[in-house]
Amino acid sequence: MPTISTFFGITIHMFYSDHNPPHFHAVYGDFEALVGISPIQILEGNLPNRVKSLVFEWAALH
């Protein structure tokens, strides 16, 4: 899976032709979540609250 960003131990992955709705994958240790792009929300999976906040902030900036 292509990595598009890494910060604070969090990796963000995205496939160009992945299934709908548009999303990216956020991985932190043993945690993984599919994060929707519009609106920014967890579609599937789980992240610790602080990590979720950082991922949402990253998504809003990019």
PDB file of N, CA and C in Angstrom:
ATOM      1  N   MET A   1       0.855  -1.169   0.000  1.00  0.00           N
ATOM      2  CA  MET A   1       0.000   0.000   0.000  1.00  0.00           C
ATOM      3  C   MET A   1       0.906   1.239   0.000  1.00  0.00           C
ATOM      4  N   PRO A   2       0.739   2.157  -0.942  1.00  0.00           N
ATOM      5  CA  PRO A   2       1.605   3.344  -1.015  1.00  0.00           C
ATOM      6  C   PRO A   2       1.448   4.250   0.209  1.00  0.00           C
ATOM      7  N   THR A   3       2.550   4.616   0.809  1.00  0.00           N
ATOM      8  CA  THR A   3       2.555   5.532   1.948  1.00  0.00           C
ATOM      9  C   THR A   3       2.671   6.951   1.414  1.00  0.00           C
ATOM     10  N   ILE A   4       1.744   7.818   1.819  1.00  0.00           N
ATOM     11  CA  ILE A   4       1.798   9.199   1.346  1.00  0.00           C
ATOM     12  C   ILE A   4       2.260  10.164   2.431  1.00  0.00           C
ATOM     13  N   SER A   5       2.247   9.721   3.714  1.00  0.00           N
ATOM     14  CA  SER A   5       2.724  10.584   4.788  1.00  0.00           C
ATOM     15  C   SER A   5       3.034   9.750   6.024  1.00  0.00           C
ATOM     16  N   THR A   6       3.999  10.222   6.801  1.00  0.00           N
ATOM     17  CA  THR A   6       4.338   9.600   8.080  1.00  0.00           C
ATOM     18  C   THR A   6       4.618  10.717   9.078  1.00  0.00           C
ATOM     19  N   PHE A   7       3.989  10.645  10.249  1.00  0.00           N
ATOM     20  CA  PHE A   7       4.219  11.642  11.291  1.00  0.00           C
ATOM     21  C   PHE A   7       3.820  11.064  12.640  1.00  0.00           C
ATOM     22  N   PHE A   8       4.615  11.340  13.672  1.00  0.00           N
ATOM     23  CA  PHE A   8       4.353  10.898  15.046  1.00  0.00           C
ATOM     24  C   PHE A   8       4.011   9.411  15.144  1.00  0.00           C
ATOM     25  N   GLY A   9       4.628   8.585  14.322  1.00  0.00           N
ATOM     26  CA  GLY A   9       4.365   7.147  14.340  1.00  0.00           C
ATOM     27  C   GLY A   9       3.110   6.735  13.597  1.00  0.00           C
ATOM     28  N   ILE A  10       2.460   7.682  12.949  1.00  0.00           N
ATOM     29  CA  ILE A  10       1.240   7.429  12.173  1.00  0.00           C
ATOM     30  C   ILE A  10       1.637   7.367  10.699  1.00  0.00           C
ATOM     31  N   THR A  11       1.124   6.375   9.990  1.00  0.00           N
ATOM     32  CA  THR A  11       1.346   6.340   8.541  1.00  0.00           C
ATOM     33  C   THR A  11       0.004   6.461   7.830  1.00  0.00           C
ATOM     34  N   ILE A  12       0.014   7.222   6.749  1.00  0.00           N
ATOM     35  CA  ILE A  12      -1.177   7.430   5.933  1.00  0.00           C
ATOM     36  C   ILE A  12      -0.924   6.751   4.591  1.00  0.00           C
ATOM     37  N   HIS A  13      -1.840   5.886   4.196  1.00  0.00           N
ATOM     38  CA  HIS A  13      -1.735   5.138   2.947  1.00  0.00           C
ATOM     39  C   HIS A  13      -2.965   5.416   2.099  1.00  0.00           C
ATOM     40  N   MET A  14      -2.779   5.394   0.765  1.00  0.00           N
ATOM     41  CA  MET A  14      -3.914   5.585  -0.129  1.00  0.00           C
ATOM     42  C   MET A  14      -3.655   4.865  -1.443  1.00  0.00           C
ATOM     43  N   PHE A  15      -4.697   4.223  -1.947  1.00  0.00           N
ATOM     44  CA  PHE A  15      -4.663   3.619  -3.274  1.00  0.00           C
ATOM     45  C   PHE A  15      -5.395   4.532  -4.236  1.00  0.00           C
ATOM     46  N   TYR A  16      -4.871   4.673  -5.440  1.00  0.00           N
ATOM     47  CA  TYR A  16      -5.484   5.529  -6.449  1.00  0.00           C
ATOM     48  C   TYR A  16      -6.877   5.033  -6.851  1.00  0.00           C
ATOM     49  N   SER A  17      -7.033   3.737  -7.075  1.00  0.00           N
ATOM     50  CA  SER A  17      -8.296   3.190  -7.589  1.00  0.00           C
ATOM     51  C   SER A  17      -9.020   2.333  -6.556  1.00  0.00           C
ATOM     52  N   ASP A  18      -8.981   2.738  -5.296  1.00  0.00           N
ATOM     53  CA  ASP A  18      -9.634   1.960  -4.239  1.00  0.00           C
ATOM     54  C   ASP A  18     -11.153   2.150  -4.321  1.00  0.00           C
ATOM     55  N   HIS A  19     -11.885   1.335  -3.586  1.00  0.00           N
ATOM     56  CA  HIS A  19     -13.349   1.359  -3.599  1.00  0.00           C
ATOM     57  C   HIS A  19     -13.890   2.678  -3.043  1.00  0.00           C
ATOM     58  N   ASN A  20     -15.138   2.965  -3.351  1.00  0.00           N
ATOM     59  CA  ASN A  20     -15.825   4.152  -2.831  1.00  0.00           C
ATOM     60  C   ASN A  20     -16.325   3.897  -1.430  1.00  0.00           C
ATOM     61  N   PRO A  21     -16.538   4.893  -0.619  1.00  0.00           N
ATOM     62  CA  PRO A  21     -16.313   6.321  -0.825  1.00  0.00           C
ATOM     63  C   PRO A  21     -14.825   6.645  -0.756  1.00  0.00           C
ATOM     64  N   PRO A  22     -14.418   7.809  -1.286  1.00  0.00           N
ATOM     65  CA  PRO A  22     -13.004   8.201  -1.233  1.00  0.00           C
ATOM     66  C   PRO A  22     -12.502   8.211   0.215  1.00  0.00           C
ATOM     67  N   HIS A  23     -11.349   7.576   0.434  1.00  0.00           N
ATOM     68  CA  HIS A  23     -10.830   7.439   1.790  1.00  0.00           C
ATOM     69  C   HIS A  23      -9.327   7.193   1.757  1.00  0.00           C
ATOM     70  N   PHE A  24      -8.721   7.218   2.933  1.00  0.00           N
ATOM     71  CA  PHE A  24      -7.333   6.802   3.099  1.00  0.00           C
ATOM     72  C   PHE A  24      -7.257   5.916   4.324  1.00  0.00           C
ATOM     73  N   HIS A  25      -6.139   5.231   4.478  1.00  0.00           N
ATOM     74  CA  HIS A  25      -5.921   4.340   5.609  1.00  0.00           C
ATOM     75  C   HIS A  25      -4.931   5.006   6.555  1.00  0.00           C
ATOM     76  N   ALA A  26      -5.249   5.037   7.834  1.00  0.00           N
ATOM     77  CA  ALA A  26      -4.349   5.558   8.856  1.00  0.00           C
ATOM     78  C   ALA A  26      -3.940   4.391   9.750  1.00  0.00           C
ATOM     79  N   VAL A  27      -2.635   4.222   9.967  1.00  0.00           N
ATOM     80  CA  VAL A  27      -2.117   3.120  10.773  1.00  0.00           C
ATOM     81  C   VAL A  27      -1.245   3.694  11.884  1.00  0.00           C
ATOM     82  N   TYR A  28      -1.488   3.224  13.106  1.00  0.00           N
ATOM     83  CA  TYR A  28      -0.703   3.624  14.269  1.00  0.00           C
ATOM     84  C   TYR A  28      -0.524   2.380  15.138  1.00  0.00           C
ATOM     85  N   GLY A  29       0.662   1.806  15.129  1.00  0.00           N
ATOM     86  CA  GLY A  29       0.904   0.578  15.893  1.00  0.00           C
ATOM     87  C   GLY A  29      -0.030  -0.518  15.429  1.00  0.00           C
ATOM     88  N   ASP A  30      -0.794  -1.075  16.372  1.00  0.00           N
ATOM     89  CA  ASP A  30      -1.759  -2.134  16.056  1.00  0.00           C
ATOM     90  C   ASP A  30      -3.117  -1.595  15.625  1.00  0.00           C
ATOM     91  N   PHE A  31      -3.276  -0.279  15.599  1.00  0.00           N
ATOM     92  CA  PHE A  31      -4.541   0.349  15.237  1.00  0.00           C
ATOM     93  C   PHE A  31      -4.548   0.707  13.752  1.00  0.00           C
ATOM     94  N   GLU A  32      -5.700   0.533  13.119  1.00  0.00           N
ATOM     95  CA  GLU A  32      -5.864   0.931  11.732  1.00  0.00           C
ATOM     96  C   GLU A  32      -7.288   1.402  11.518  1.00  0.00           C
ATOM     97  N   ALA A  33      -7.442   2.438  10.697  1.00  0.00           N
ATOM     98  CA  ALA A  33      -8.770   2.958  10.399  1.00  0.00           C
ATOM     99  C   ALA A  33      -8.832   3.413   8.954  1.00  0.00           C
ATOM    100  N   LEU A  34     -10.003   3.263   8.357  1.00  0.00           N
ATOM    101  CA  LEU A  34     -10.305   3.854   7.055  1.00  0.00           C
ATOM    102  C   LEU A  34     -10.963   5.183   7.350  1.00  0.00           C
ATOM    103  N   VAL A  35     -10.418   6.255   6.797  1.00  0.00           N
ATOM    104  CA  VAL A  35     -10.895   7.600   7.100  1.00  0.00           C
ATOM    105  C   VAL A  35     -11.468   8.214   5.834  1.00  0.00           C
ATOM    106  N   GLY A  36     -12.733   8.589   5.879  1.00  0.00           N
ATOM    107  CA  GLY A  36     -13.380   9.239   4.753  1.00  0.00           C
ATOM    108  C   GLY A  36     -12.833  10.634   4.539  1.00  0.00           C
ATOM    109  N   ILE A  37     -12.792  11.056   3.276  1.00  0.00           N
ATOM    110  CA  ILE A  37     -12.205  12.349   2.940  1.00  0.00           C
ATOM    111  C   ILE A  37     -13.231  13.481   3.014  1.00  0.00           C
ATOM    112  N   SER A  38     -14.447  13.241   2.579  1.00  0.00           N
ATOM    113  CA  SER A  38     -15.457  14.292   2.619  1.00  0.00           C
ATOM    114  C   SER A  38     -16.809  13.682   2.949  1.00  0.00           C
ATOM    115  N   PRO A  39     -17.272  13.795   4.163  1.00  0.00           N
ATOM    116  CA  PRO A  39     -16.660  14.480   5.298  1.00  0.00           C
ATOM    117  C   PRO A  39     -15.546  13.631   5.914  1.00  0.00           C
ATOM    118  N   ILE A  40     -14.666  14.301   6.661  1.00  0.00           N
ATOM    119  CA  ILE A  40     -13.578  13.595   7.350  1.00  0.00           C
ATOM    120  C   ILE A  40     -14.190  12.869   8.539  1.00  0.00           C
ATOM    121  N   GLN A  41     -14.166  11.534   8.461  1.00  0.00           N
ATOM    122  CA  GLN A  41     -14.734  10.716   9.533  1.00  0.00           C
ATOM    123  C   GLN A  41     -14.176   9.309   9.447  1.00  0.00           C
ATOM    124  N   ILE A  42     -14.213   8.597  10.566  1.00  0.00           N
ATOM    125  CA  ILE A  42     -13.795   7.195  10.592  1.00  0.00           C
ATOM    126  C   ILE A  42     -14.905   6.372   9.945  1.00  0.00           C
ATOM    127  N   LEU A  43     -14.554   5.656   8.882  1.00  0.00           N
ATOM    128  CA  LEU A  43     -15.518   4.792   8.204  1.00  0.00           C
ATOM    129  C   LEU A  43     -15.486   3.384   8.764  1.00  0.00           C
ATOM    130  N   GLU A  44     -14.297   2.958   9.178  1.00  0.00           N
ATOM    131  CA  GLU A  44     -14.111   1.595   9.654  1.00  0.00           C
ATOM    132  C   GLU A  44     -12.840   1.563  10.489  1.00  0.00           C
ATOM    133  N   GLY A  45     -12.818   0.762  11.539  1.00  0.00           N
ATOM    134  CA  GLY A  45     -11.619   0.623  12.354  1.00  0.00           C
ATOM    135  C   GLY A  45     -11.646   1.523  13.572  1.00  0.00           C
ATOM    136  N   ASN A  46     -10.461   1.674  14.186  1.00  0.00           N
ATOM    137  CA  ASN A  46     -10.376   2.376  15.459  1.00  0.00           C
ATOM    138  C   ASN A  46      -8.992   2.992  15.613  1.00  0.00           C
ATOM    139  N   LEU A  47      -8.933   4.186  16.187  1.00  0.00           N
ATOM    140  CA  LEU A  47      -7.679   4.852  16.524  1.00  0.00           C
ATOM    141  C   LEU A  47      -7.831   5.449  17.917  1.00  0.00           C
ATOM    142  N   PRO A  48      -6.737   5.534  18.686  1.00  0.00           N
ATOM    143  CA  PRO A  48      -6.813   6.248  19.966  1.00  0.00           C
ATOM    144  C   PRO A  48      -7.242   7.706  19.717  1.00  0.00           C
ATOM    145  N   ASN A  49      -7.898   8.313  20.690  1.00  0.00           N
ATOM    146  CA  ASN A  49      -8.453   9.654  20.506  1.00  0.00           C
ATOM    147  C   ASN A  49      -7.420  10.679  20.053  1.00  0.00           C
ATOM    148  N   ARG A  50      -6.246  10.702  20.677  1.00  0.00           N
ATOM    149  CA  ARG A  50      -5.222  11.687  20.304  1.00  0.00           C
ATOM    150  C   ARG A  50      -4.760  11.456  18.859  1.00  0.00           C
ATOM    151  N   VAL A  51      -4.586  10.210  18.471  1.00  0.00           N
ATOM    152  CA  VAL A  51      -4.167   9.875  17.109  1.00  0.00           C
ATOM    153  C   VAL A  51      -5.264  10.275  16.125  1.00  0.00           C
ATOM    154  N   LYS A  52      -6.506  10.000  16.472  1.00  0.00           N
ATOM    155  CA  LYS A  52      -7.629  10.386  15.610  1.00  0.00           C
ATOM    156  C   LYS A  52      -7.640  11.896  15.388  1.00  0.00           C
ATOM    157  N   SER A  53      -7.396  12.667  16.430  1.00  0.00           N
ATOM    158  CA  SER A  53      -7.346  14.128  16.295  1.00  0.00           C
ATOM    159  C   SER A  53      -6.233  14.557  15.347  1.00  0.00           C
ATOM    160  N   LEU A  54      -5.057  13.940  15.470  1.00  0.00           N
ATOM    161  CA  LEU A  54      -3.939  14.276  14.588  1.00  0.00           C
ATOM    162  C   LEU A  54      -4.238  13.906  13.138  1.00  0.00           C
ATOM    163  N   VAL A  55      -4.848  12.751  12.930  1.00  0.00           N
ATOM    164  CA  VAL A  55      -5.190  12.306  11.579  1.00  0.00           C
ATOM    165  C   VAL A  55      -6.237  13.239  10.959  1.00  0.00           C
ATOM    166  N   PHE A  56      -7.244  13.625  11.723  1.00  0.00           N
ATOM    167  CA  PHE A  56      -8.266  14.541  11.212  1.00  0.00           C
ATOM    168  C   PHE A  56      -7.656  15.893  10.877  1.00  0.00           C
ATOM    169  N   GLU A  57      -6.742  16.379  11.707  1.00  0.00           N
ATOM    170  CA  GLU A  57      -6.071  17.649  11.443  1.00  0.00           C
ATOM    171  C   GLU A  57      -5.227  17.557  10.169  1.00  0.00           C
ATOM    172  N   TRP A  58      -4.499  16.428  10.027  1.00  0.00           N
ATOM    173  CA  TRP A  58      -3.706  16.210   8.815  1.00  0.00           C
ATOM    174  C   TRP A  58      -4.622  16.223   7.581  1.00  0.00           C
ATOM    175  N   ALA A  59      -5.743  15.524   7.667  1.00  0.00           N
ATOM    176  CA  ALA A  59      -6.664  15.447   6.528  1.00  0.00           C
ATOM    177  C   ALA A  59      -7.208  16.830   6.169  1.00  0.00           C
ATOM    178  N   ALA A  60      -7.523  17.627   7.151  1.00  0.00           N
ATOM    179  CA  ALA A  60      -8.055  18.970   6.876  1.00  0.00           C
ATOM    180  C   ALA A  60      -7.007  19.849   6.191  1.00  0.00           C
ATOM    181  N   LEU A  61      -5.740  19.662   6.539  1.00  0.00           N
ATOM    182  CA  LEU A  61      -4.669  20.448   5.945  1.00  0.00           C
ATOM    183  C   LEU A  61      -4.292  19.994   4.530  1.00  0.00           C
ATOM    184  N   HIS A  62      -4.527  18.727   4.232  1.00  0.00           N
ATOM    185  CA  HIS A  62      -4.095  18.195   2.943  1.00  0.00           C
ATOM    186  C   HIS A  62      -5.262  17.865   2.052  1.00  0.00           C
TER     187      HIS A  62
END
